[in-house]
Protein backbone atom coordinates (compact mmCIF):
# COMPACT_ATOMS: atom_id res chain seq x y z
CA MET A 1 0.07 -0.09 -0.06
CA THR A 2 1.03 3.57 -0.51
CA GLY A 3 1.24 6.34 2.09
CA GLU A 4 -2.22 7.69 1.18
CA GLU A 5 -4.76 7.83 4.01
CA PHE A 6 -7.72 5.49 3.97
CA HIS A 7 -11.19 5.94 5.51
CA LEU A 8 -13.06 3.04 6.99
CA CYS A 9 -16.85 3.30 7.06
CA ILE A 10 -18.95 0.75 9.21
CA ASP A 11 -22.59 0.34 8.84
CA ILE A 12 -23.88 -1.68 11.78
CA GLY A 13 -27.37 -3.21 11.00
CA ASN A 14 -29.49 -5.49 13.02
CA THR A 15 -27.50 -8.60 12.21
CA ARG A 16 -24.49 -7.62 10.17
CA PHE A 17 -21.59 -5.37 10.11
CA LYS A 18 -20.99 -3.89 6.60
CA MET A 19 -17.48 -2.29 6.05
CA ALA A 20 -16.22 -0.24 3.15
CA VAL A 21 -12.72 1.37 2.80
CA PHE A 22 -12.40 4.57 0.84
CA MET A 23 -9.31 6.29 -0.65
CA ALA A 24 -9.54 9.70 -2.44
CA GLY A 25 -13.29 9.27 -2.57
CA ASN A 26 -13.23 5.75 -4.31
CA GLU A 27 -14.40 2.60 -2.63
CA VAL A 28 -11.40 0.21 -2.62
CA TYR A 29 -12.67 -2.53 -0.47
CA GLN A 30 -15.91 -3.75 1.04
CA SER A 31 -16.79 -6.70 3.27
CA ALA A 32 -19.38 -7.83 5.84
CA CYS A 33 -19.33 -10.07 9.02
CA ASN A 34 -21.31 -10.92 12.05
CA GLU A 35 -20.33 -9.81 15.57
CA ILE A 36 -18.40 -12.96 16.35
CA GLU A 37 -16.20 -12.40 13.37
CA LEU A 38 -15.84 -8.52 13.92
CA GLU A 39 -12.44 -8.19 15.72
CA ILE A 40 -10.77 -10.55 13.23
CA LYS A 41 -12.26 -8.49 10.32
CA LEU A 42 -11.12 -5.24 11.85
CA LYS A 43 -7.52 -6.62 12.29
CA GLU A 44 -7.54 -7.71 8.72
CA ILE A 45 -8.65 -4.42 7.47
CA PHE A 46 -6.19 -2.45 9.42
CA HIS A 47 -3.48 -4.80 8.26
CA LEU A 48 -4.38 -4.31 4.71
CA PHE A 49 -4.84 -0.47 4.76
CA PRO A 50 -3.34 2.42 6.57
CA ILE A 51 -6.63 3.58 7.93
CA GLY A 52 -6.49 7.27 9.14
CA ARG A 53 -10.22 7.95 9.73
CA MET A 54 -13.21 5.99 10.56
CA ALA A 55 -16.92 6.53 10.79
CA VAL A 56 -19.61 4.27 12.25
CA SER A 57 -23.48 4.28 11.81
CA SER A 58 -25.34 1.93 14.11
CA THR A 59 -29.09 0.83 14.27
CA ARG A 60 -28.21 -0.55 17.73
CA LYS A 61 -28.07 1.21 21.03
CA SER A 62 -24.40 0.38 21.60
CA ILE A 63 -21.28 0.17 19.49
CA PRO A 64 -18.88 -2.87 20.25
CA GLU A 65 -15.74 -1.96 22.15
CA SER A 66 -13.47 -3.58 19.57
CA ILE A 67 -14.71 -0.86 17.13
CA ARG A 68 -13.99 1.87 19.58
CA ASN A 69 -10.60 0.35 20.46
CA PHE A 70 -9.44 0.77 16.82
CA GLY A 71 -11.10 4.23 16.45
CA LYS A 72 -9.35 5.85 19.51
CA GLU A 73 -6.07 5.41 17.80
CA LEU A 74 -7.02 7.44 14.71
CA LYS A 75 -6.90 10.97 13.49
CA LEU A 76 -10.64 11.17 13.42
CA TYR A 77 -13.22 8.77 14.83
CA ILE A 78 -16.99 9.52 14.45
CA GLU A 79 -19.89 7.62 15.94
CA LEU A 80 -22.68 9.22 13.99
CA ASP A 81 -25.41 10.82 15.98
CA HIS A 82 -27.66 13.99 15.77
CA LEU A 83 -24.85 16.18 17.10
CA THR A 84 -22.43 15.20 14.27
CA SER A 85 -21.61 18.14 11.90
CA LEU A 86 -23.16 17.22 8.55
CA PRO A 87 -22.92 18.53 5.00
CA ILE A 88 -26.84 18.54 4.87
CA SER A 89 -29.36 20.20 7.05
CA ILE A 90 -32.03 18.23 8.98
CA ALA A 91 -35.66 19.43 9.24
CA TYR A 92 -36.81 16.57 11.50
CA LEU A 93 -38.67 17.39 14.77
CA THR A 94 -36.80 14.85 16.75
CA PRO A 95 -33.33 14.53 15.22
CA GLN A 96 -32.15 12.48 18.32
CA THR A 97 -34.49 9.81 17.19
CA LEU A 98 -33.62 9.83 13.56
CA GLY A 99 -31.92 6.55 12.51
CA ARG A 100 -28.12 7.06 11.90
CA ASP A 101 -28.35 4.94 8.77
CA ARG A 102 -31.05 7.36 7.37
CA ILE A 103 -28.83 10.30 8.21
CA ALA A 104 -25.91 8.73 6.20
CA GLY A 105 -28.14 7.65 3.42
CA ALA A 106 -29.38 11.20 3.12
CA VAL A 107 -25.93 12.54 3.03
CA ALA A 108 -24.87 10.12 0.21
CA ALA A 109 -27.87 10.97 -1.76
CA GLN A 110 -27.22 14.72 -1.67
CA PHE A 111 -23.58 14.04 -2.62
CA LEU A 112 -24.45 11.78 -5.57
CA TYR A 113 -27.48 13.99 -6.91
CA PRO A 114 -26.98 17.46 -5.54
CA ASP A 115 -29.31 19.50 -7.67
CA GLU A 116 -32.32 17.28 -7.49
CA GLY A 117 -35.07 16.16 -5.14
CA LYS A 118 -34.11 12.64 -3.75
CA ILE A 119 -36.55 9.93 -2.48
CA ILE A 120 -34.56 7.35 -0.68
CA VAL A 121 -36.03 3.76 -0.15
CA ASP A 122 -34.03 1.61 2.19
CA ALA A 123 -35.52 -1.91 1.97
CA GLY A 124 -34.08 -3.87 4.90
CA THR A 125 -35.62 -5.32 8.15
CA CYS A 126 -37.82 -2.23 7.97
CA ILE A 127 -38.47 -0.14 4.90
CA THR A 128 -37.73 3.57 5.19
CA TYR A 129 -38.83 6.34 2.86
CA ASP A 130 -36.77 9.59 3.17
CA PHE A 131 -36.86 12.79 1.10
CA VAL A 132 -34.04 15.25 0.66
CA ASP A 133 -34.69 18.36 -1.37
CA SER A 134 -32.32 19.97 -4.04
CA ASN A 135 -31.05 22.30 -1.18
CA GLY A 136 -29.79 19.35 0.81
CA CYS A 137 -32.42 19.46 3.39
CA PHE A 138 -33.72 16.28 4.87
CA LEU A 139 -37.49 16.93 5.11
CA GLY A 140 -38.52 13.75 6.83
CA GLY A 141 -39.64 10.23 5.98
CA ASN A 142 -41.64 7.14 6.88
CA ILE A 143 -41.06 3.65 8.24
CA SER A 144 -42.92 0.58 7.43
CA PRO A 145 -42.28 -3.30 8.03
CA GLY A 146 -39.87 -4.98 5.73
CA ILE A 147 -40.93 -8.01 3.60
CA GLN A 148 -39.71 -10.63 6.06
CA MET A 149 -41.30 -8.92 8.83
CA ARG A 150 -44.62 -8.96 7.11
CA ILE A 151 -44.35 -12.70 6.16
CA ARG A 152 -43.39 -13.56 9.72
CA ALA A 153 -46.13 -11.41 11.42
CA MET A 154 -48.87 -13.17 9.33
CA ASN A 155 -47.47 -16.55 10.58
CA SER A 156 -46.99 -15.64 14.30
CA HIS A 157 -50.07 -13.63 14.77
CA THR A 158 -52.47 -16.19 13.30
CA ALA A 159 -53.33 -19.62 14.00
CA ASN A 160 -53.40 -21.09 10.59
CA LEU A 161 -51.43 -19.06 8.17
CA PRO A 162 -48.03 -20.80 7.27
CA LEU A 163 -44.54 -19.19 7.13
CA VAL A 164 -43.71 -18.94 3.48
CA GLU A 165 -40.59 -18.37 1.42
CA MET A 166 -39.74 -14.99 -0.10
CA GLU A 167 -40.72 -15.84 -3.59
CA ILE A 168 -42.90 -13.76 -5.96
CA PRO A 169 -45.64 -15.67 -7.72
CA GLU A 170 -46.18 -15.31 -11.51
CA ASP A 171 -49.87 -14.26 -11.16
CA ILE A 172 -51.11 -11.25 -9.33
CA LEU A 173 -53.90 -13.42 -7.88
CA GLY A 174 -52.61 -16.26 -5.45
CA LYS A 175 -53.90 -19.73 -6.55
CA ASN A 176 -53.24 -21.08 -3.01
CA THR A 177 -52.54 -19.80 0.56
CA THR A 178 -48.73 -19.74 -0.04
CA GLN A 179 -49.11 -17.58 -3.25
CA ALA A 180 -51.70 -15.40 -1.56
CA LEU A 181 -49.33 -14.57 1.37
CA GLN A 182 -46.36 -13.99 -1.10
CA ASN A 183 -48.35 -11.66 -3.17
CA GLY A 184 -49.76 -9.81 -0.23
CA SER A 185 -46.39 -9.24 1.41
CA ILE A 186 -44.09 -8.87 -1.66
CA ARG A 187 -46.35 -7.33 -4.29
CA GLY A 188 -48.10 -5.32 -1.52
CA THR A 189 -44.69 -3.73 -0.64
CA PHE A 190 -44.27 -2.96 -4.40
CA TYR A 191 -47.45 -1.07 -4.42
CA GLU A 192 -46.72 0.63 -1.27
CA ILE A 193 -43.34 1.89 -2.58
CA GLU A 194 -44.93 3.01 -5.81
CA SER A 195 -47.66 4.89 -3.91
CA PHE A 196 -45.24 6.71 -1.55
CA ILE A 197 -43.15 7.64 -4.70
CA SER A 198 -46.09 8.96 -6.63
CA GLN A 199 -47.53 10.96 -3.58
CA LEU A 200 -44.10 12.58 -2.87
CA GLU A 201 -43.60 13.54 -6.40
CA LYS A 202 -47.06 15.14 -6.49
CA LYS A 203 -46.02 17.24 -3.57
CA TYR A 204 -42.20 18.08 -4.48
CA GLY A 205 -42.06 17.36 -8.19
CA ASP A 206 -40.12 14.84 -10.20
CA SER A 207 -37.34 13.36 -7.99
CA ARG A 208 -34.52 10.95 -8.16
CA VAL A 209 -35.56 7.43 -6.51
CA ILE A 210 -32.71 5.72 -4.88
CA LEU A 211 -33.09 2.16 -3.67
CA THR A 212 -30.64 0.59 -1.37
CA GLY A 213 -30.77 -2.24 1.48
CA GLY A 214 -30.61 -5.92 1.63
CA ASP A 215 -33.95 -6.65 0.01
CA ALA A 216 -33.37 -4.07 -2.85
CA PHE A 217 -32.94 -6.74 -5.62
CA TYR A 218 -36.53 -7.95 -5.12
CA PHE A 219 -37.75 -4.55 -6.59
CA VAL A 220 -35.27 -4.10 -9.39
CA ASP A 221 -37.28 -5.94 -12.14
CA TYR A 222 -40.57 -4.41 -10.93
CA PHE A 223 -39.54 -0.85 -10.97
CA LYS A 224 -37.00 -1.14 -13.84
CA SER A 225 -35.73 2.25 -15.09
CA LYS A 226 -37.77 4.25 -12.42
CA ILE A 227 -35.03 3.70 -9.69
CA PHE A 228 -31.30 3.85 -9.21
CA VAL A 229 -29.99 1.04 -7.06
CA VAL A 230 -27.01 2.20 -4.75
CA GLN A 231 -26.22 -0.73 -2.46
CA ASN A 232 -23.47 1.00 -0.71
CA LEU A 233 -25.38 4.26 0.05
CA ILE A 234 -24.70 4.24 3.76
CA PRO A 235 -20.87 3.95 3.47
CA ILE A 236 -20.67 6.62 0.93
CA GLY A 237 -22.52 8.87 3.25
CA LEU A 238 -20.26 8.01 6.07
CA ASN A 239 -17.24 8.79 3.87
CA GLN A 240 -18.68 12.12 3.09
CA ILE A 241 -19.33 12.93 6.68
CA LEU A 242 -15.57 12.15 7.54
CA LYS A 243 -14.59 14.37 4.65
CA HIS A 244 -16.79 17.02 5.94
CA ASN A 245 -15.30 16.85 9.58
CA ALA A 246 -11.68 16.57 8.44
């Protein structure tokens, strides 16, 4: 490796730790692991790259000490929260409750598409819908259950409905209970996303629609050219926050 400084950006989700390394604005490495593998993965990354700055976004209440131990030795270490200096403005009534991943995603969206309105759809455990205007102001958003959560809820909250696989039936009408559950949860989510996009564009005008998250691939064929998939949206945003605070 050269003497260039590298940024490590960590997105801590409900089950996985997603990591990306940036140098001169370009992503040069990405990986993911669970908490058991975390310390080994961090040692591997710090061996491969001369990390100078690190930013962490977490959906959990606490950040593992192994991350903090690596971070305290760096020039800059940021645990993203509502007090972090950002390159966007936040018009959210309770910024302290705003998900860190949603903040990072909004920063990335503004960086990628600065002169447009942006609708960010993050399809993971929950689905979030956020809007950032062309001036870089986060105006707010919504949260709904993710596909897996819908499927599991129908099974766990009823006596007779089975737990089904995440597969999309060919026909819009289910021909059996399994297909009916799959259509209701997966196609129902398609229509929900489409409706939110439509209503937001009625209010704010034509907007760039950005899709990210672990379940994003389920929606690509349905939406086709209407959306732009950016799977590493949160690490991109964390890297921009590091640059902003450098």
